[in-house]
Amino acid sequence: MTAAELNNIAENALNDQYKIIINKLKDCAIKGKNSCVISNLPVSLAKKLKQKGFIIIPVFKYKYSFFFRKRKIKYYMIQF
């Protein structure tokens, strides 16, 4: 198997998640926003969205938990 074939298999497996992301982007567009923040974005979906013309920017936010421990959480902001 080549890398292209494996990439196609991964894209087909993540097709449902791709539809969810597109629906979130449509909801943000209806509200008048030009970006949407998503917590989990696989690499194959990021490539597909970049090919479609979307801009993907990694965003880091800190989450404070019990006893003021902070964790860095990575989000992805998708602009259209």
PDB file of N, CA and C in Angstrom:
ATOM      1  N   MET A   1       0.834  -1.179   0.000  1.00  0.00           N
ATOM      2  CA  MET A   1       0.000   0.000   0.000  1.00  0.00           C
ATOM      3  C   MET A   1       0.888   1.256   0.000  1.00  0.00           C
ATOM      4  N   THR A   2       0.448   2.223  -0.714  1.00  0.00           N
ATOM      5  CA  THR A   2       1.191   3.476  -0.766  1.00  0.00           C
ATOM      6  C   THR A   2       0.605   4.466   0.248  1.00  0.00           C
ATOM      7  N   ALA A   3       1.319   5.552   0.422  1.00  0.00           N
ATOM      8  CA  ALA A   3       0.873   6.564   1.373  1.00  0.00           C
ATOM      9  C   ALA A   3      -0.430   7.221   0.915  1.00  0.00           C
ATOM     10  N   ALA A   4      -0.601   7.382  -0.383  1.00  0.00           N
ATOM     11  CA  ALA A   4      -1.829   7.995  -0.908  1.00  0.00           C
ATOM     12  C   ALA A   4      -3.045   7.116  -0.626  1.00  0.00           C
ATOM     13  N   GLU A   5      -2.884   5.802  -0.777  1.00  0.00           N
ATOM     14  CA  GLU A   5      -3.983   4.882  -0.496  1.00  0.00           C
ATOM     15  C   GLU A   5      -4.352   4.909   0.990  1.00  0.00           C
ATOM     16  N   LEU A   6      -3.352   4.947   1.853  1.00  0.00           N
ATOM     17  CA  LEU A   6      -3.619   5.011   3.292  1.00  0.00           C
ATOM     18  C   LEU A   6      -4.304   6.329   3.666  1.00  0.00           C
ATOM     19  N   ASN A   7      -3.905   7.408   3.005  1.00  0.00           N
ATOM     20  CA  ASN A   7      -4.536   8.701   3.262  1.00  0.00           C
ATOM     21  C   ASN A   7      -6.004   8.678   2.836  1.00  0.00           C
ATOM     22  N   ASN A   8      -6.312   8.048   1.712  1.00  0.00           N
ATOM     23  CA  ASN A   8      -7.702   7.925   1.262  1.00  0.00           C
ATOM     24  C   ASN A   8      -8.540   7.113   2.238  1.00  0.00           C
ATOM     25  N   ILE A   9      -7.970   6.047   2.773  1.00  0.00           N
ATOM     26  CA  ILE A   9      -8.679   5.223   3.750  1.00  0.00           C
ATOM     27  C   ILE A   9      -8.983   6.044   5.009  1.00  0.00           C
ATOM     28  N   ALA A  10      -8.015   6.837   5.452  1.00  0.00           N
ATOM     29  CA  ALA A  10      -8.216   7.678   6.645  1.00  0.00           C
ATOM     30  C   ALA A  10      -9.286   8.736   6.389  1.00  0.00           C
ATOM     31  N   GLU A  11      -9.292   9.341   5.197  1.00  0.00           N
ATOM     32  CA  GLU A  11     -10.307  10.345   4.877  1.00  0.00           C
ATOM     33  C   GLU A  11     -11.699   9.735   4.845  1.00  0.00           C
ATOM     34  N   ASN A  12     -11.822   8.538   4.303  1.00  0.00           N
ATOM     35  CA  ASN A  12     -13.131   7.874   4.255  1.00  0.00           C
ATOM     36  C   ASN A  12     -13.622   7.526   5.659  1.00  0.00           C
ATOM     37  N   ALA A  13     -12.714   7.154   6.537  1.00  0.00           N
ATOM     38  CA  ALA A  13     -13.096   6.793   7.896  1.00  0.00           C
ATOM     39  C   ALA A  13     -13.556   8.026   8.688  1.00  0.00           C
ATOM     40  N   LEU A  14     -13.000   9.193   8.359  1.00  0.00           N
ATOM     41  CA  LEU A  14     -13.326  10.411   9.098  1.00  0.00           C
ATOM     42  C   LEU A  14     -14.361  11.270   8.378  1.00  0.00           C
ATOM     43  N   ASN A  15     -15.102  10.697   7.466  1.00  0.00           N
ATOM     44  CA  ASN A  15     -16.075  11.449   6.684  1.00  0.00           C
ATOM     45  C   ASN A  15     -17.195  12.016   7.555  1.00  0.00           C
ATOM     46  N   ASP A  16     -17.642  11.270   8.568  1.00  0.00           N
ATOM     47  CA  ASP A  16     -18.692  11.765   9.463  1.00  0.00           C
ATOM     48  C   ASP A  16     -18.218  12.982  10.257  1.00  0.00           C
ATOM     49  N   GLN A  17     -16.981  12.920  10.734  1.00  0.00           N
ATOM     50  CA  GLN A  17     -16.435  14.040  11.486  1.00  0.00           C
ATOM     51  C   GLN A  17     -16.264  15.262  10.574  1.00  0.00           C
ATOM     52  N   TYR A  18     -15.939  15.046   9.321  1.00  0.00           N
ATOM     53  CA  TYR A  18     -15.821  16.142   8.350  1.00  0.00           C
ATOM     54  C   TYR A  18     -17.170  16.833   8.161  1.00  0.00           C
ATOM     55  N   LYS A  19     -18.232  16.050   8.072  1.00  0.00           N
ATOM     56  CA  LYS A  19     -19.573  16.630   7.918  1.00  0.00           C
ATOM     57  C   LYS A  19     -19.965  17.445   9.144  1.00  0.00           C
ATOM     58  N   ILE A  20     -19.591  16.983  10.332  1.00  0.00           N
ATOM     59  CA  ILE A  20     -19.885  17.721  11.561  1.00  0.00           C
ATOM     60  C   ILE A  20     -19.154  19.052  11.572  1.00  0.00           C
ATOM     61  N   ILE A  21     -17.886  19.059  11.152  1.00  0.00           N
ATOM     62  CA  ILE A  21     -17.105  20.295  11.112  1.00  0.00           C
ATOM     63  C   ILE A  21     -17.708  21.273  10.112  1.00  0.00           C
ATOM     64  N   ILE A  22     -18.109  20.789   8.950  1.00  0.00           N
ATOM     65  CA  ILE A  22     -18.718  21.661   7.938  1.00  0.00           C
ATOM     66  C   ILE A  22     -20.036  22.250   8.459  1.00  0.00           C
ATOM     67  N   ASN A  23     -20.826  21.456   9.181  1.00  0.00           N
ATOM     68  CA  ASN A  23     -22.073  21.971   9.758  1.00  0.00           C
ATOM     69  C   ASN A  23     -21.796  23.048  10.810  1.00  0.00           C
ATOM     70  N   LYS A  24     -20.734  22.870  11.629  1.00  0.00           N
ATOM     71  CA  LYS A  24     -20.367  23.891  12.607  1.00  0.00           C
ATOM     72  C   LYS A  24     -19.948  25.175  11.900  1.00  0.00           C
ATOM     73  N   LEU A  25     -19.220  25.029  10.799  1.00  0.00           N
ATOM     74  CA  LEU A  25     -18.802  26.213  10.040  1.00  0.00           C
ATOM     75  C   LEU A  25     -20.003  26.935   9.438  1.00  0.00           C
ATOM     76  N   LYS A  26     -20.993  26.174   8.973  1.00  0.00           N
ATOM     77  CA  LYS A  26     -22.206  26.790   8.433  1.00  0.00           C
ATOM     78  C   LYS A  26     -22.962  27.539   9.521  1.00  0.00           C
ATOM     79  N   ASP A  27     -23.042  26.956  10.726  1.00  0.00           N
ATOM     80  CA  ASP A  27     -23.720  27.628  11.836  1.00  0.00           C
ATOM     81  C   ASP A  27     -23.005  28.925  12.212  1.00  0.00           C
ATOM     82  N   CYS A  28     -21.678  28.903  12.218  1.00  0.00           N
ATOM     83  CA  CYS A  28     -20.919  30.117  12.523  1.00  0.00           C
ATOM     84  C   CYS A  28     -21.127  31.165  11.440  1.00  0.00           C
ATOM     85  N   ALA A  29     -21.226  30.744  10.188  1.00  0.00           N
ATOM     86  CA  ALA A  29     -21.448  31.689   9.089  1.00  0.00           C
ATOM     87  C   ALA A  29     -22.832  32.317   9.186  1.00  0.00           C
ATOM     88  N   ILE A  30     -23.820  31.541   9.604  1.00  0.00           N
ATOM     89  CA  ILE A  30     -25.175  32.078   9.768  1.00  0.00           C
ATOM     90  C   ILE A  30     -25.208  33.128  10.876  1.00  0.00           C
ATOM     91  N   LYS A  31     -24.406  32.913  11.923  1.00  0.00           N
ATOM     92  CA  LYS A  31     -24.349  33.866  13.031  1.00  0.00           C
ATOM     93  C   LYS A  31     -23.540  35.117  12.678  1.00  0.00           C
ATOM     94  N   GLY A  32     -22.866  35.110  11.533  1.00  0.00           N
ATOM     95  CA  GLY A  32     -22.103  36.276  11.106  1.00  0.00           C
ATOM     96  C   GLY A  32     -20.630  36.226  11.455  1.00  0.00           C
ATOM     97  N   LYS A  33     -20.149  35.085  11.909  1.00  0.00           N
ATOM     98  CA  LYS A  33     -18.735  34.942  12.250  1.00  0.00           C
ATOM     99  C   LYS A  33     -17.968  34.426  11.035  1.00  0.00           C
ATOM    100  N   ASN A  34     -16.657  34.680  11.012  1.00  0.00           N
ATOM    101  CA  ASN A  34     -15.855  34.170   9.910  1.00  0.00           C
ATOM    102  C   ASN A  34     -14.874  33.092  10.358  1.00  0.00           C
ATOM    103  N   SER A  35     -15.039  32.590  11.590  1.00  0.00           N
ATOM    104  CA  SER A  35     -14.175  31.528  12.085  1.00  0.00           C
ATOM    105  C   SER A  35     -14.937  30.663  13.078  1.00  0.00           C
ATOM    106  N   CYS A  36     -14.364  29.491  13.345  1.00  0.00           N
ATOM    107  CA  CYS A  36     -14.966  28.546  14.278  1.00  0.00           C
ATOM    108  C   CYS A  36     -13.836  27.823  15.005  1.00  0.00           C
ATOM    109  N   VAL A  37     -13.996  27.557  16.298  1.00  0.00           N
ATOM    110  CA  VAL A  37     -12.969  26.889  17.093  1.00  0.00           C
ATOM    111  C   VAL A  37     -13.390  25.445  17.323  1.00  0.00           C
ATOM    112  N   ILE A  38     -12.470  24.524  17.016  1.00  0.00           N
ATOM    113  CA  ILE A  38     -12.737  23.092  17.139  1.00  0.00           C
ATOM    114  C   ILE A  38     -11.634  22.471  17.990  1.00  0.00           C
ATOM    115  N   SER A  39     -12.002  21.559  18.886  1.00  0.00           N
ATOM    116  CA  SER A  39     -11.026  21.001  19.819  1.00  0.00           C
ATOM    117  C   SER A  39     -10.202  19.866  19.229  1.00  0.00           C
ATOM    118  N   ASN A  40     -10.771  19.070  18.368  1.00  0.00           N
ATOM    119  CA  ASN A  40     -10.057  17.906  17.850  1.00  0.00           C
ATOM    120  C   ASN A  40     -10.101  17.930  16.325  1.00  0.00           C
ATOM    121  N   LEU A  41      -8.936  17.962  15.689  1.00  0.00           N
ATOM    122  CA  LEU A  41      -8.867  18.002  14.238  1.00  0.00           C
ATOM    123  C   LEU A  41      -7.747  17.080  13.772  1.00  0.00           C
ATOM    124  N   PRO A  42      -8.093  15.912  13.213  1.00  0.00           N
ATOM    125  CA  PRO A  42      -7.066  15.005  12.709  1.00  0.00           C
ATOM    126  C   PRO A  42      -6.300  15.606  11.527  1.00  0.00           C
ATOM    127  N   VAL A  43      -5.110  15.101  11.292  1.00  0.00           N
ATOM    128  CA  VAL A  43      -4.223  15.642  10.260  1.00  0.00           C
ATOM    129  C   VAL A  43      -4.834  15.495   8.870  1.00  0.00           C
ATOM    130  N   SER A  44      -5.447  14.357   8.597  1.00  0.00           N
ATOM    131  CA  SER A  44      -6.014  14.146   7.260  1.00  0.00           C
ATOM    132  C   SER A  44      -7.163  15.113   6.980  1.00  0.00           C
ATOM    133  N   LEU A  45      -7.963  15.423   8.009  1.00  0.00           N
ATOM    134  CA  LEU A  45      -9.038  16.404   7.825  1.00  0.00           C
ATOM    135  C   LEU A  45      -8.477  17.812   7.673  1.00  0.00           C
ATOM    136  N   ALA A  46      -7.382  18.105   8.367  1.00  0.00           N
ATOM    137  CA  ALA A  46      -6.759  19.421   8.229  1.00  0.00           C
ATOM    138  C   ALA A  46      -6.248  19.622   6.808  1.00  0.00           C
ATOM    139  N   LYS A  47      -5.657  18.587   6.230  1.00  0.00           N
ATOM    140  CA  LYS A  47      -5.189  18.673   4.842  1.00  0.00           C
ATOM    141  C   LYS A  47      -6.352  18.887   3.883  1.00  0.00           C
ATOM    142  N   LYS A  48      -7.437  18.168   4.118  1.00  0.00           N
ATOM    143  CA  LYS A  48      -8.610  18.282   3.247  1.00  0.00           C
ATOM    144  C   LYS A  48      -9.213  19.680   3.319  1.00  0.00           C
ATOM    145  N   LEU A  49      -9.295  20.244   4.530  1.00  0.00           N
ATOM    146  CA  LEU A  49      -9.846  21.582   4.692  1.00  0.00           C
ATOM    147  C   LEU A  49      -8.934  22.642   4.068  1.00  0.00           C
ATOM    148  N   LYS A  50      -7.614  22.447   4.177  1.00  0.00           N
ATOM    149  CA  LYS A  50      -6.685  23.387   3.552  1.00  0.00           C
ATOM    150  C   LYS A  50      -6.802  23.349   2.036  1.00  0.00           C
ATOM    151  N   GLN A  51      -7.041  22.165   1.484  1.00  0.00           N
ATOM    152  CA  GLN A  51      -7.218  22.048   0.033  1.00  0.00           C
ATOM    153  C   GLN A  51      -8.495  22.746  -0.419  1.00  0.00           C
ATOM    154  N   LYS A  52      -9.503  22.775   0.443  1.00  0.00           N
ATOM    155  CA  LYS A  52     -10.768  23.432   0.110  1.00  0.00           C
ATOM    156  C   LYS A  52     -10.676  24.953   0.250  1.00  0.00           C
ATOM    157  N   GLY A  53      -9.578  25.468   0.842  1.00  0.00           N
ATOM    158  CA  GLY A  53      -9.386  26.909   0.953  1.00  0.00           C
ATOM    159  C   GLY A  53      -9.576  27.480   2.344  1.00  0.00           C
ATOM    160  N   PHE A  54      -9.759  26.651   3.344  1.00  0.00           N
ATOM    161  CA  PHE A  54      -9.909  27.129   4.714  1.00  0.00           C
ATOM    162  C   PHE A  54      -8.533  27.401   5.311  1.00  0.00           C
ATOM    163  N   ILE A  55      -8.482  28.328   6.256  1.00  0.00           N
ATOM    164  CA  ILE A  55      -7.248  28.646   6.966  1.00  0.00           C
ATOM    165  C   ILE A  55      -7.352  28.040   8.361  1.00  0.00           C
ATOM    166  N   ILE A  56      -6.349  27.252   8.752  1.00  0.00           N
ATOM    167  CA  ILE A  56      -6.362  26.571  10.047  1.00  0.00           C
ATOM    168  C   ILE A  56      -5.230  27.129  10.902  1.00  0.00           C
ATOM    169  N   ILE A  57      -5.589  27.647  12.071  1.00  0.00           N
ATOM    170  CA  ILE A  57      -4.625  28.240  12.988  1.00  0.00           C
ATOM    171  C   ILE A  57      -4.719  27.504  14.323  1.00  0.00           C
ATOM    172  N   PRO A  58      -3.597  26.947  14.825  1.00  0.00           N
ATOM    173  CA  PRO A  58      -3.639  26.334  16.157  1.00  0.00           C
ATOM    174  C   PRO A  58      -3.711  27.403  17.248  1.00  0.00           C
ATOM    175  N   VAL A  59      -4.593  27.184  18.214  1.00  0.00           N
ATOM    176  CA  VAL A  59      -4.803  28.121  19.318  1.00  0.00           C
ATOM    177  C   VAL A  59      -4.622  27.343  20.610  1.00  0.00           C
ATOM    178  N   PHE A  60      -3.864  27.911  21.541  1.00  0.00           N
ATOM    179  CA  PHE A  60      -3.646  27.267  22.828  1.00  0.00           C
ATOM    180  C   PHE A  60      -4.353  28.049  23.913  1.00  0.00           C
ATOM    181  N   LYS A  61      -5.116  27.337  24.732  1.00  0.00           N
ATOM    182  CA  LYS A  61      -5.789  27.939  25.878  1.00  0.00           C
ATOM    183  C   LYS A  61      -5.391  27.153  27.120  1.00  0.00           C
ATOM    184  N   TYR A  62      -5.392  27.847  28.228  1.00  0.00           N
ATOM    185  CA  TYR A  62      -5.055  27.194  29.490  1.00  0.00           C
ATOM    186  C   TYR A  62      -6.325  26.897  30.267  1.00  0.00           C
ATOM    187  N   LYS A  63      -6.382  25.679  30.782  1.00  0.00           N
ATOM    188  CA  LYS A  63      -7.519  25.266  31.596  1.00  0.00           C
ATOM    189  C   LYS A  63      -7.010  25.038  33.019  1.00  0.00           C
ATOM    190  N   TYR A  64      -7.650  25.722  33.949  1.00  0.00           N
ATOM    191  CA  TYR A  64      -7.260  25.596  35.341  1.00  0.00           C
ATOM    192  C   TYR A  64      -8.156  24.578  36.025  1.00  0.00           C
ATOM    193  N   SER A  65      -7.523  23.649  36.715  1.00  0.00           N
ATOM    194  CA  SER A  65      -8.275  22.609  37.396  1.00  0.00           C
ATOM    195  C   SER A  65      -8.110  22.787  38.910  1.00  0.00           C
ATOM    196  N   PHE A  66      -8.468  21.780  39.618  1.00  0.00           N
ATOM    197  CA  PHE A  66      -8.432  21.798  41.078  1.00  0.00           C
ATOM    198  C   PHE A  66      -7.030  22.140  41.576  1.00  0.00           C
ATOM    199  N   PHE A  67      -6.912  22.934  42.588  1.00  0.00           N
ATOM    200  CA  PHE A  67      -5.649  23.401  43.166  1.00  0.00           C
ATOM    201  C   PHE A  67      -4.826  24.246  42.192  1.00  0.00           C
ATOM    202  N   PHE A  68      -5.522  24.903  41.272  1.00  0.00           N
ATOM    203  CA  PHE A  68      -4.914  25.857  40.352  1.00  0.00           C
ATOM    204  C   PHE A  68      -3.813  25.262  39.465  1.00  0.00           C
ATOM    205  N   ARG A  69      -3.952  23.997  39.147  1.00  0.00           N
ATOM    206  CA  ARG A  69      -3.049  23.408  38.161  1.00  0.00           C
ATOM    207  C   ARG A  69      -3.514  23.832  36.789  1.00  0.00           C
ATOM    208  N   LYS A  70      -2.594  24.227  35.960  1.00  0.00           N
ATOM    209  CA  LYS A  70      -3.031  24.638  34.629  1.00  0.00           C
ATOM    210  C   LYS A  70      -2.499  23.663  33.587  1.00  0.00           C
ATOM    211  N   ARG A  71      -3.365  23.419  32.624  1.00  0.00           N
ATOM    212  CA  ARG A  71      -3.017  22.532  31.517  1.00  0.00           C
ATOM    213  C   ARG A  71      -3.206  23.306  30.226  1.00  0.00           C
ATOM    214  N   LYS A  72      -2.308  23.082  29.302  1.00  0.00           N
ATOM    215  CA  LYS A  72      -2.426  23.730  28.010  1.00  0.00           C
ATOM    216  C   LYS A  72      -3.227  22.823  27.084  1.00  0.00           C
ATOM    217  N   ILE A  73      -4.299  23.370  26.522  1.00  0.00           N
ATOM    218  CA  ILE A  73      -5.179  22.611  25.637  1.00  0.00           C
ATOM    219  C   ILE A  73      -5.094  23.230  24.250  1.00  0.00           C
ATOM    220  N   LYS A  74      -4.942  22.378  23.263  1.00  0.00           N
ATOM    221  CA  LYS A  74      -4.794  22.842  21.886  1.00  0.00           C
ATOM    222  C   LYS A  74      -6.134  22.792  21.163  1.00  0.00           C
ATOM    223  N   TYR A  75      -6.501  23.919  20.584  1.00  0.00           N
ATOM    224  CA  TYR A  75      -7.699  24.042  19.764  1.00  0.00           C
ATOM    225  C   TYR A  75      -7.278  24.461  18.364  1.00  0.00           C
ATOM    226  N   TYR A  76      -8.178  24.318  17.434  1.00  0.00           N
ATOM    227  CA  TYR A  76      -7.917  24.748  16.061  1.00  0.00           C
ATOM    228  C   TYR A  76      -8.982  25.748  15.657  1.00  0.00           C
ATOM    229  N   MET A  77      -8.538  26.904  15.187  1.00  0.00           N
ATOM    230  CA  MET A  77      -9.467  27.908  14.683  1.00  0.00           C
ATOM    231  C   MET A  77      -9.465  27.797  13.166  1.00  0.00           C
ATOM    232  N   ILE A  78     -10.637  27.546  12.613  1.00  0.00           N
ATOM    233  CA  ILE A  78     -10.787  27.411  11.165  1.00  0.00           C
ATOM    234  C   ILE A  78     -11.448  28.673  10.647  1.00  0.00           C
ATOM    235  N   GLN A  79     -10.764  29.377   9.750  1.00  0.00           N
ATOM    236  CA  GLN A  79     -11.293  30.612   9.170  1.00  0.00           C
ATOM    237  C   GLN A  79     -11.712  30.349   7.728  1.00  0.00           C
ATOM    238  N   PHE A  80     -12.750  31.049   7.315  1.00  0.00           N
ATOM    239  CA  PHE A  80     -13.213  30.916   5.939  1.00  0.00           C
ATOM    240  C   PHE A  80     -13.488  32.268   5.348  1.00  0.00           C
TER     241      PHE A  80
END
